[in-house]
Amino acid sequence: MTNITAIEVSIEALENECRAHDFTFMENPWRHRHWSNEYDRRAKIFTLLERLGHSSKAIEVYNTYAPDFAKRPLSSSYY
């Protein structure tokens, strides 16, 4: 598992992780290594979003790469 407390926090880091992430990894649980790597990457993406304060710029970057089922609203009472 990735150490998510020691990651670079920037919009560029978020964009790089989103670009590399397979958002459909949950559909292939039998490929354990792939599933595990993407699970860690998803945790890293969510940590970056949180540390960037769920800013509109961060959400826009996330939504650029996320498929429709994973997109986040730009404003929410949860963040």
Protein backbone atom coordinates (compact mmCIF):
# COMPACT_ATOMS: atom_id res chain seq x y z
CA MET A 1 0.00 0.00 0.00
CA THR A 2 1.18 3.50 -0.84
CA ASN A 3 2.19 5.84 1.96
CA ILE A 4 -0.40 8.53 1.33
CA THR A 5 0.97 10.81 4.04
CA ALA A 6 4.18 11.48 2.08
CA ILE A 7 2.81 12.44 -1.32
CA GLU A 8 3.37 15.59 -3.34
CA VAL A 9 0.26 17.74 -3.11
CA SER A 10 -0.36 19.74 -6.26
CA ILE A 11 -2.81 20.04 -9.11
CA GLU A 12 -0.15 18.55 -11.39
CA ALA A 13 0.23 15.50 -9.14
CA LEU A 14 -3.54 15.06 -9.12
CA GLU A 15 -3.68 15.31 -12.91
CA ASN A 16 -0.89 12.75 -13.32
CA GLU A 17 -2.63 10.27 -11.01
CA CYS A 18 -6.01 10.76 -12.70
CA ARG A 19 -4.48 10.38 -16.14
CA ALA A 20 -2.87 7.06 -15.14
CA HIS A 21 -5.85 5.70 -13.16
CA ASP A 22 -8.09 2.92 -14.50
CA PHE A 23 -11.48 4.07 -13.19
CA THR A 24 -13.05 0.72 -14.14
CA PHE A 25 -10.69 -1.40 -12.04
CA MET A 26 -13.50 -2.58 -9.75
CA GLU A 27 -14.97 -4.51 -12.68
CA ASN A 28 -11.90 -6.81 -12.78
CA PRO A 29 -11.35 -8.03 -9.20
CA TRP A 30 -9.79 -11.30 -10.43
CA ARG A 31 -6.70 -9.38 -11.62
CA HIS A 32 -5.41 -8.89 -8.08
CA ARG A 33 -2.19 -7.00 -8.79
CA HIS A 34 -3.95 -4.56 -11.11
CA TRP A 35 -6.85 -4.20 -8.68
CA SER A 36 -4.50 -3.58 -5.74
CA ASN A 37 -2.45 -0.98 -7.62
CA GLU A 38 -5.54 0.89 -8.79
CA TYR A 39 -7.11 0.71 -5.32
CA ASP A 40 -3.98 2.41 -3.94
CA ARG A 41 -4.05 4.97 -6.74
CA ARG A 42 -7.71 5.76 -6.00
CA ALA A 43 -6.84 6.32 -2.34
CA LYS A 44 -4.04 8.64 -3.42
CA ILE A 45 -6.39 10.60 -5.71
CA PHE A 46 -8.96 11.03 -2.93
CA THR A 47 -6.22 12.12 -0.52
CA LEU A 48 -4.98 14.68 -3.04
CA LEU A 49 -8.52 16.00 -3.51
CA GLU A 50 -8.92 16.32 0.24
CA ARG A 51 -5.58 18.05 0.75
CA LEU A 52 -6.34 20.43 -2.11
CA GLY A 53 -9.50 21.34 -0.24
CA HIS A 54 -11.82 19.92 -2.90
CA SER A 55 -11.21 23.17 -4.77
CA SER A 56 -13.13 23.74 -7.97
CA LYS A 57 -9.86 23.46 -9.94
CA ALA A 58 -9.06 20.09 -8.32
CA ILE A 59 -12.58 18.78 -9.00
CA GLU A 60 -12.39 20.01 -12.61
CA VAL A 61 -9.11 18.12 -13.12
CA TYR A 62 -10.60 14.97 -11.56
CA ASN A 63 -13.76 15.23 -13.69
CA THR A 64 -11.71 15.67 -16.86
CA TYR A 65 -10.41 12.10 -16.53
CA ALA A 66 -13.25 10.43 -14.64
CA PRO A 67 -15.98 8.60 -16.54
CA ASP A 68 -19.56 9.79 -16.00
CA PHE A 69 -20.25 7.36 -13.15
CA ALA A 70 -17.30 8.69 -11.12
CA LYS A 71 -17.60 12.45 -11.69
CA ARG A 72 -17.87 14.72 -8.64
CA PRO A 73 -20.13 17.76 -8.33
CA LEU A 74 -18.26 21.08 -8.28
CA SER A 75 -20.01 22.10 -5.08
CA SER A 76 -21.31 19.81 -2.39
CA SER A 77 -22.27 19.95 1.27
CA TYR A 78 -19.84 17.07 1.87
CA TYR A 79 -16.77 19.19 1.06
